[in-house]
Amino acid sequence: MPAKTFISVLDAVNPLPSRLNPPQRKLTAGGPYQRTPPADARFPSLSATIYRFVSEPKQARRYFVSGNVQGVGYRYFTLRAAERLGLTGYARNLPDARVEAYAIGTQDQLAKLQSVLERGPWGATVSEVKEEHAAIDPEYESGFVIIY
């Protein structure tokens, strides 16, 4: 006598996987178990308001920082701040115990850098930051470096 099979309504809608009928998984970039968003969420409509010109003119500034700024990580502090702001240029120690920072960027970026330089890292004492206009040096347009 054959065994009776009980199939519930849920089994008919969602059949259990078996070795003969494995579940079909859609492979995505995140792996086989990542959920794909609904079709309308994949390409949401974008709206943006542009309140500045696409490319503001680049300027160059040279900053001379006085105080207890050598031997306290001031150049590395300047490097991290410049990279965060998207500036290029360099930082170096001067023989007269100051730090020179040369930066290329927009006027807003340079103003933010100056305020960061006036504060300095923990352990430094900044007494003065002098700013000078400078010509753009193509050698330092690709990134921010520390000169030894």
N, C-alpha and C. Protein backbone atom coordinates (compact mmCIF):
# COMPACT_ATOMS: atom_id res chain seq x y z
N MET A 1 0.84 -1.16 0.00
CA MET A 1 0.00 0.00 0.00
C MET A 1 0.88 1.23 0.00
N PRO A 2 0.68 2.16 -0.91
CA PRO A 2 1.53 3.35 -0.98
C PRO A 2 1.33 4.24 0.24
N ALA A 3 2.42 4.93 0.61
CA ALA A 3 2.35 5.87 1.74
C ALA A 3 1.59 7.10 1.32
N LYS A 4 0.84 7.62 2.25
CA LYS A 4 0.06 8.83 1.95
C LYS A 4 0.95 10.05 2.11
N THR A 5 0.82 10.96 1.20
CA THR A 5 1.58 12.20 1.25
C THR A 5 0.63 13.32 1.59
N PHE A 6 1.02 14.08 2.60
CA PHE A 6 0.21 15.23 2.99
C PHE A 6 0.90 16.49 2.48
N ILE A 7 0.22 17.25 1.72
CA ILE A 7 0.75 18.52 1.19
C ILE A 7 -0.15 19.63 1.71
N SER A 8 0.46 20.54 2.39
CA SER A 8 -0.32 21.68 2.86
C SER A 8 -0.37 22.75 1.78
N VAL A 9 -1.17 23.75 2.02
CA VAL A 9 -1.29 24.84 1.06
C VAL A 9 0.03 25.58 0.95
N LEU A 10 0.77 25.74 2.05
CA LEU A 10 2.05 26.44 2.01
C LEU A 10 3.08 25.67 1.20
N ASP A 11 3.06 24.34 1.29
CA ASP A 11 4.00 23.54 0.52
C ASP A 11 3.74 23.67 -0.97
N ALA A 12 2.51 23.83 -1.33
CA ALA A 12 2.19 23.97 -2.75
C ALA A 12 2.68 25.32 -3.27
N VAL A 13 2.61 26.35 -2.42
CA VAL A 13 3.05 27.68 -2.85
C VAL A 13 4.58 27.77 -2.78
N ASN A 14 5.18 27.31 -1.69
CA ASN A 14 6.63 27.35 -1.48
C ASN A 14 7.14 25.92 -1.31
N PRO A 15 7.39 25.21 -2.40
CA PRO A 15 7.83 23.82 -2.25
C PRO A 15 9.20 23.76 -1.57
N LEU A 16 9.40 22.70 -0.78
CA LEU A 16 10.66 22.51 -0.09
C LEU A 16 11.73 22.11 -1.10
N PRO A 17 12.95 22.63 -0.92
CA PRO A 17 14.01 22.27 -1.87
C PRO A 17 14.46 20.83 -1.62
N SER A 18 14.92 20.21 -2.64
CA SER A 18 15.46 18.86 -2.54
C SER A 18 16.72 18.79 -3.39
N ARG A 19 17.39 17.64 -3.33
CA ARG A 19 18.59 17.50 -4.15
C ARG A 19 18.24 17.49 -5.63
N LEU A 20 17.09 16.98 -5.96
CA LEU A 20 16.68 16.95 -7.37
C LEU A 20 16.17 18.29 -7.84
N ASN A 21 15.67 19.10 -6.92
CA ASN A 21 15.12 20.40 -7.28
C ASN A 21 15.71 21.45 -6.33
N PRO A 22 17.01 21.81 -6.50
CA PRO A 22 17.62 22.77 -5.57
C PRO A 22 17.02 24.16 -5.75
N PRO A 23 17.05 24.96 -4.69
CA PRO A 23 16.50 26.31 -4.81
C PRO A 23 17.35 27.14 -5.76
N GLN A 24 16.71 27.98 -6.51
CA GLN A 24 17.40 28.84 -7.46
C GLN A 24 17.80 30.12 -6.74
N ARG A 25 19.09 30.43 -6.77
CA ARG A 25 19.58 31.65 -6.13
C ARG A 25 20.14 32.56 -7.20
N LYS A 26 19.83 33.81 -7.06
CA LYS A 26 20.34 34.79 -7.99
C LYS A 26 21.67 35.30 -7.46
N LEU A 27 22.72 35.16 -8.24
CA LEU A 27 24.03 35.62 -7.82
C LEU A 27 24.14 37.12 -8.08
N THR A 28 24.57 37.84 -7.06
CA THR A 28 24.77 39.28 -7.19
C THR A 28 26.21 39.61 -6.80
N ALA A 29 26.57 40.86 -6.93
CA ALA A 29 27.94 41.27 -6.62
C ALA A 29 28.28 41.03 -5.16
N GLY A 30 27.31 41.09 -4.27
CA GLY A 30 27.57 40.91 -2.85
C GLY A 30 27.55 39.48 -2.40
N GLY A 31 27.31 38.52 -3.27
CA GLY A 31 27.27 37.12 -2.90
C GLY A 31 25.90 36.54 -3.12
N PRO A 32 25.76 35.23 -2.91
CA PRO A 32 24.49 34.57 -3.23
C PRO A 32 23.37 34.89 -2.26
N TYR A 33 23.68 35.39 -1.08
CA TYR A 33 22.63 35.61 -0.09
C TYR A 33 22.24 37.07 0.07
N GLN A 34 22.77 37.92 -0.75
CA GLN A 34 22.41 39.34 -0.67
C GLN A 34 21.06 39.55 -1.34
N ARG A 35 20.22 40.29 -0.68
CA ARG A 35 18.91 40.57 -1.26
C ARG A 35 19.04 41.64 -2.32
N THR A 36 18.31 41.46 -3.39
CA THR A 36 18.28 42.50 -4.41
C THR A 36 17.14 43.44 -4.08
N PRO A 37 17.38 44.74 -4.19
CA PRO A 37 16.33 45.69 -3.86
C PRO A 37 15.20 45.63 -4.89
N PRO A 38 14.04 46.11 -4.53
CA PRO A 38 12.95 46.16 -5.49
C PRO A 38 13.34 47.01 -6.70
N ALA A 39 12.67 46.76 -7.80
CA ALA A 39 13.03 47.42 -9.05
C ALA A 39 12.99 48.94 -8.94
N ASP A 40 12.02 49.47 -8.20
CA ASP A 40 11.92 50.93 -8.11
C ASP A 40 12.99 51.52 -7.19
N ALA A 41 13.61 50.72 -6.32
CA ALA A 41 14.63 51.24 -5.41
C ALA A 41 16.03 51.17 -6.02
N ARG A 42 16.20 50.42 -7.10
CA ARG A 42 17.53 50.31 -7.70
C ARG A 42 17.98 51.61 -8.33
N PHE A 43 17.08 52.31 -8.95
CA PHE A 43 17.43 53.54 -9.63
C PHE A 43 16.54 54.67 -9.12
N PRO A 44 16.81 55.15 -7.90
CA PRO A 44 15.98 56.23 -7.38
C PRO A 44 16.25 57.50 -8.18
N SER A 45 15.28 58.34 -8.22
CA SER A 45 15.47 59.59 -8.94
C SER A 45 16.40 60.49 -8.13
N LEU A 46 17.30 61.13 -8.81
CA LEU A 46 18.27 62.00 -8.16
C LEU A 46 17.96 63.44 -8.49
N SER A 47 18.13 64.27 -7.49
CA SER A 47 18.03 65.70 -7.74
C SER A 47 19.16 66.37 -6.98
N ALA A 48 19.77 67.33 -7.59
CA ALA A 48 20.88 68.02 -6.95
C ALA A 48 20.79 69.50 -7.26
N THR A 49 21.24 70.28 -6.33
CA THR A 49 21.31 71.71 -6.52
C THR A 49 22.78 72.09 -6.53
N ILE A 50 23.23 72.66 -7.62
CA ILE A 50 24.62 73.09 -7.72
C ILE A 50 24.65 74.56 -7.37
N TYR A 51 25.35 74.86 -6.29
CA TYR A 51 25.39 76.24 -5.84
C TYR A 51 26.74 76.88 -6.08
N ARG A 52 27.67 76.17 -6.68
CA ARG A 52 28.97 76.71 -7.03
C ARG A 52 29.29 76.33 -8.46
N PHE A 53 30.30 76.95 -8.98
CA PHE A 53 30.78 76.54 -10.29
C PHE A 53 31.39 75.16 -10.17
N VAL A 54 31.40 74.43 -11.23
CA VAL A 54 31.91 73.06 -11.20
C VAL A 54 33.38 73.05 -10.80
N SER A 55 34.15 73.96 -11.34
CA SER A 55 35.57 74.01 -10.96
C SER A 55 35.93 75.44 -10.58
N GLU A 56 36.15 75.63 -9.30
CA GLU A 56 36.59 76.93 -8.83
C GLU A 56 38.07 77.07 -9.15
N PRO A 57 38.54 78.28 -9.34
CA PRO A 57 39.96 78.44 -9.66
C PRO A 57 40.84 78.04 -8.49
N LYS A 58 41.91 77.35 -8.81
CA LYS A 58 42.87 76.92 -7.80
C LYS A 58 43.81 78.08 -7.47
N GLN A 59 44.19 78.14 -6.21
CA GLN A 59 45.13 79.14 -5.74
C GLN A 59 46.20 78.43 -4.93
N ALA A 60 47.30 79.11 -4.71
CA ALA A 60 48.38 78.55 -3.88
C ALA A 60 48.68 79.52 -2.76
N ARG A 61 48.93 78.97 -1.58
CA ARG A 61 49.28 79.77 -0.41
C ARG A 61 50.45 79.09 0.30
N ARG A 62 51.24 79.91 0.93
CA ARG A 62 52.35 79.43 1.75
C ARG A 62 52.10 79.92 3.17
N TYR A 63 52.12 79.00 4.12
CA TYR A 63 51.87 79.33 5.53
C TYR A 63 53.15 79.07 6.32
N PHE A 64 53.51 80.04 7.16
CA PHE A 64 54.65 79.91 8.05
C PHE A 64 54.11 79.88 9.48
N VAL A 65 54.32 78.76 10.14
CA VAL A 65 53.74 78.55 11.47
C VAL A 65 54.85 78.66 12.51
N SER A 66 54.65 79.55 13.47
CA SER A 66 55.63 79.78 14.53
C SER A 66 55.10 79.25 15.85
N GLY A 67 56.03 78.99 16.77
CA GLY A 67 55.68 78.48 18.09
C GLY A 67 56.41 77.17 18.35
N ASN A 68 55.90 76.38 19.25
CA ASN A 68 56.47 75.06 19.52
C ASN A 68 55.82 74.08 18.54
N VAL A 69 56.35 74.04 17.31
CA VAL A 69 55.71 73.25 16.25
C VAL A 69 56.63 72.20 15.64
N GLN A 70 57.86 72.09 16.11
CA GLN A 70 58.74 71.04 15.62
C GLN A 70 58.92 69.99 16.70
N GLY A 71 58.90 68.73 16.30
CA GLY A 71 59.05 67.63 17.23
C GLY A 71 57.77 67.22 17.92
N VAL A 72 56.63 67.73 17.45
CA VAL A 72 55.33 67.41 18.06
C VAL A 72 54.35 66.82 17.04
N GLY A 73 54.84 66.45 15.85
CA GLY A 73 53.96 65.86 14.83
C GLY A 73 53.17 66.87 14.03
N TYR A 74 53.65 68.10 13.97
CA TYR A 74 52.89 69.15 13.27
C TYR A 74 52.82 68.90 11.77
N ARG A 75 53.89 68.42 11.15
CA ARG A 75 53.87 68.17 9.70
C ARG A 75 52.88 67.07 9.36
N TYR A 76 52.84 66.02 10.17
CA TYR A 76 51.90 64.92 9.92
C TYR A 76 50.46 65.37 10.15
N PHE A 77 50.27 66.22 11.14
CA PHE A 77 48.96 66.82 11.38
C PHE A 77 48.52 67.62 10.16
N THR A 78 49.45 68.39 9.60
CA THR A 78 49.16 69.19 8.40
C THR A 78 48.85 68.29 7.21
N LEU A 79 49.60 67.21 7.06
CA LEU A 79 49.35 66.25 5.98
C LEU A 79 47.94 65.67 6.06
N ARG A 80 47.55 65.22 7.24
CA ARG A 80 46.21 64.64 7.39
C ARG A 80 45.12 65.67 7.14
N ALA A 81 45.31 66.89 7.63
CA ALA A 81 44.31 67.95 7.42
C ALA A 81 44.19 68.30 5.94
N ALA A 82 45.32 68.40 5.25
CA ALA A 82 45.31 68.74 3.83
C ALA A 82 44.65 67.64 3.01
N GLU A 83 44.93 66.38 3.33
CA GLU A 83 44.30 65.28 2.59
C GLU A 83 42.81 65.25 2.84
N ARG A 84 42.39 65.53 4.07
CA ARG A 84 40.96 65.56 4.38
C ARG A 84 40.26 66.67 3.61
N LEU A 85 40.94 67.80 3.42
CA LEU A 85 40.34 68.93 2.71
C LEU A 85 40.50 68.84 1.20
N GLY A 86 41.27 67.88 0.71
CA GLY A 86 41.46 67.71 -0.73
C GLY A 86 42.49 68.67 -1.30
N LEU A 87 43.47 69.07 -0.51
CA LEU A 87 44.52 69.98 -0.96
C LEU A 87 45.75 69.22 -1.41
N THR A 88 46.57 69.88 -2.19
CA THR A 88 47.87 69.33 -2.57
C THR A 88 48.94 70.31 -2.10
N GLY A 89 50.19 69.83 -2.04
CA GLY A 89 51.28 70.70 -1.61
C GLY A 89 52.27 69.95 -0.75
N TYR A 90 52.86 70.66 0.23
CA TYR A 90 53.85 70.02 1.10
C TYR A 90 53.90 70.72 2.45
N ALA A 91 54.56 70.06 3.40
CA ALA A 91 54.87 70.62 4.71
C ALA A 91 56.32 70.27 5.01
N ARG A 92 57.04 71.22 5.60
CA ARG A 92 58.44 70.96 5.95
C ARG A 92 58.87 71.81 7.13
N ASN A 93 59.89 71.32 7.84
CA ASN A 93 60.49 72.08 8.92
C ASN A 93 61.47 73.08 8.34
N LEU A 94 61.55 74.25 8.96
CA LEU A 94 62.52 75.26 8.57
C LEU A 94 63.62 75.34 9.62
N PRO A 95 64.81 75.80 9.25
CA PRO A 95 65.91 75.87 10.21
C PRO A 95 65.65 76.82 11.38
N ASP A 96 64.74 77.77 11.23
CA ASP A 96 64.47 78.73 12.31
C ASP A 96 63.35 78.26 13.24
N ALA A 97 63.08 76.95 13.30
CA ALA A 97 62.12 76.30 14.21
C ALA A 97 60.66 76.56 13.82
N ARG A 98 60.42 77.01 12.61
CA ARG A 98 59.05 77.15 12.11
C ARG A 98 58.73 75.98 11.19
N VAL A 99 57.45 75.85 10.84
CA VAL A 99 57.00 74.87 9.85
C VAL A 99 56.41 75.64 8.69
N GLU A 100 56.80 75.26 7.48
CA GLU A 100 56.24 75.87 6.28
C GLU A 100 55.27 74.88 5.66
N ALA A 101 54.09 75.37 5.32
CA ALA A 101 53.09 74.55 4.62
C ALA A 101 52.72 75.27 3.33
N TYR A 102 52.87 74.58 2.22
CA TYR A 102 52.50 75.11 0.91
C TYR A 102 51.31 74.31 0.43
N ALA A 103 50.22 75.00 0.08
CA ALA A 103 49.00 74.28 -0.28
C ALA A 103 48.38 74.88 -1.54
N ILE A 104 47.81 74.00 -2.36
CA ILE A 104 47.10 74.39 -3.58
C ILE A 104 45.67 73.90 -3.45
N GLY A 105 44.72 74.80 -3.67
CA GLY A 105 43.30 74.44 -3.58
C GLY A 105 42.43 75.66 -3.81
N THR A 106 41.15 75.51 -3.53
CA THR A 106 40.22 76.62 -3.68
C THR A 106 40.33 77.55 -2.47
N GLN A 107 39.74 78.70 -2.60
CA GLN A 107 39.80 79.69 -1.52
C GLN A 107 39.18 79.15 -0.23
N ASP A 108 38.05 78.44 -0.35
CA ASP A 108 37.40 77.87 0.84
C ASP A 108 38.28 76.81 1.50
N GLN A 109 38.88 75.94 0.70
CA GLN A 109 39.75 74.90 1.25
C GLN A 109 40.94 75.51 1.98
N LEU A 110 41.53 76.54 1.39
CA LEU A 110 42.69 77.17 1.99
C LEU A 110 42.33 77.90 3.28
N ALA A 111 41.15 78.50 3.32
CA ALA A 111 40.71 79.17 4.55
C ALA A 111 40.51 78.16 5.67
N LYS A 112 39.95 77.00 5.34
CA LYS A 112 39.77 75.95 6.35
C LYS A 112 41.12 75.41 6.84
N LEU A 113 42.07 75.27 5.91
CA LEU A 113 43.39 74.81 6.31
C LEU A 113 44.05 75.80 7.27
N GLN A 114 43.92 77.08 6.98
CA GLN A 114 44.54 78.08 7.86
C GLN A 114 43.96 78.00 9.27
N SER A 115 42.65 77.82 9.39
CA SER A 115 42.07 77.71 10.73
C SER A 115 42.55 76.45 11.45
N VAL A 116 42.77 75.36 10.69
CA VAL A 116 43.29 74.13 11.29
C VAL A 116 44.74 74.34 11.72
N LEU A 117 45.53 75.03 10.90
CA LEU A 117 46.92 75.28 11.24
C LEU A 117 47.05 76.16 12.47
N GLU A 118 46.13 77.08 12.65
CA GLU A 118 46.17 77.96 13.82
C GLU A 118 45.89 77.19 15.11
N ARG A 119 45.13 76.13 15.01
CA ARG A 119 44.83 75.31 16.18
C ARG A 119 45.98 74.36 16.48
N GLY A 120 46.46 73.63 15.47
CA GLY A 120 47.59 72.72 15.63
C GLY A 120 47.20 71.42 16.31
N PRO A 121 48.13 70.47 16.34
CA PRO A 121 47.86 69.19 17.00
C PRO A 121 48.02 69.30 18.50
N TRP A 122 47.61 68.24 19.19
CA TRP A 122 47.79 68.18 20.63
C TRP A 122 49.29 68.16 20.90
N GLY A 123 49.75 68.97 21.82
CA GLY A 123 51.17 69.04 22.15
C GLY A 123 51.90 70.18 21.49
N ALA A 124 51.30 70.81 20.50
CA ALA A 124 51.92 71.96 19.84
C ALA A 124 51.36 73.25 20.42
N THR A 125 52.19 74.27 20.39
CA THR A 125 51.75 75.61 20.79
C THR A 125 51.98 76.53 19.61
N VAL A 126 50.91 76.96 18.97
CA VAL A 126 51.02 77.82 17.80
C VAL A 126 50.90 79.27 18.27
N SER A 127 51.93 80.05 17.95
CA SER A 127 51.89 81.46 18.33
C SER A 127 51.48 82.35 17.17
N GLU A 128 51.79 81.94 15.94
CA GLU A 128 51.45 82.78 14.78
C GLU A 128 51.43 81.94 13.51
N VAL A 129 50.52 82.28 12.61
CA VAL A 129 50.47 81.68 11.27
C VAL A 129 50.45 82.82 10.27
N LYS A 130 51.54 82.95 9.50
CA LYS A 130 51.63 83.98 8.45
C LYS A 130 51.25 83.33 7.13
N GLU A 131 50.45 84.05 6.36
CA GLU A 131 50.00 83.54 5.06
C GLU A 131 50.57 84.42 3.95
N GLU A 132 51.08 83.78 2.90
CA GLU A 132 51.58 84.50 1.73
C GLU A 132 50.96 83.88 0.47
N HIS A 133 50.67 84.73 -0.50
CA HIS A 133 50.24 84.22 -1.81
C HIS A 133 51.45 83.61 -2.49
N ALA A 134 51.23 82.57 -3.26
CA ALA A 134 52.32 81.90 -3.95
C ALA A 134 51.86 81.48 -5.33
N ALA A 135 52.82 81.24 -6.20
CA ALA A 135 52.51 80.72 -7.53
C ALA A 135 52.27 79.23 -7.44
N ILE A 136 51.45 78.71 -8.33
CA ILE A 136 51.16 77.28 -8.34
C ILE A 136 52.36 76.54 -8.92
N ASP A 137 52.91 75.63 -8.14
CA ASP A 137 54.06 74.83 -8.56
C ASP A 137 53.53 73.49 -9.07
N PRO A 138 53.71 73.19 -10.37
CA PRO A 138 53.17 71.95 -10.93
C PRO A 138 53.74 70.68 -10.27
N GLU A 139 54.89 70.79 -9.63
CA GLU A 139 55.50 69.63 -8.98
C GLU A 139 54.65 69.12 -7.82
N TYR A 140 53.85 69.99 -7.21
CA TYR A 140 53.06 69.61 -6.03
C TYR A 140 51.56 69.60 -6.30
N GLU A 141 51.16 69.44 -7.54
CA GLU A 141 49.72 69.40 -7.87
C GLU A 141 49.11 68.01 -7.76
N SER A 142 49.91 66.99 -7.54
CA SER A 142 49.36 65.63 -7.55
C SER A 142 48.99 65.10 -6.17
N GLY A 143 49.52 65.69 -5.11
CA GLY A 143 49.21 65.21 -3.76
C GLY A 143 49.93 66.04 -2.73
N PHE A 144 49.70 65.71 -1.47
CA PHE A 144 50.34 66.43 -0.37
C PHE A 144 51.43 65.54 0.21
N VAL A 145 52.63 66.11 0.39
CA VAL A 145 53.78 65.34 0.86
C VAL A 145 54.47 66.07 2.00
N ILE A 146 55.30 65.33 2.70
CA ILE A 146 56.16 65.93 3.73
C ILE A 146 57.57 65.94 3.16
N ILE A 147 58.21 67.10 3.21
CA ILE A 147 59.59 67.23 2.73
C ILE A 147 60.50 67.14 3.94
N TYR A 148 61.51 66.28 3.85
CA TYR A 148 62.46 66.11 4.95
C TYR A 148 63.74 66.87 4.68
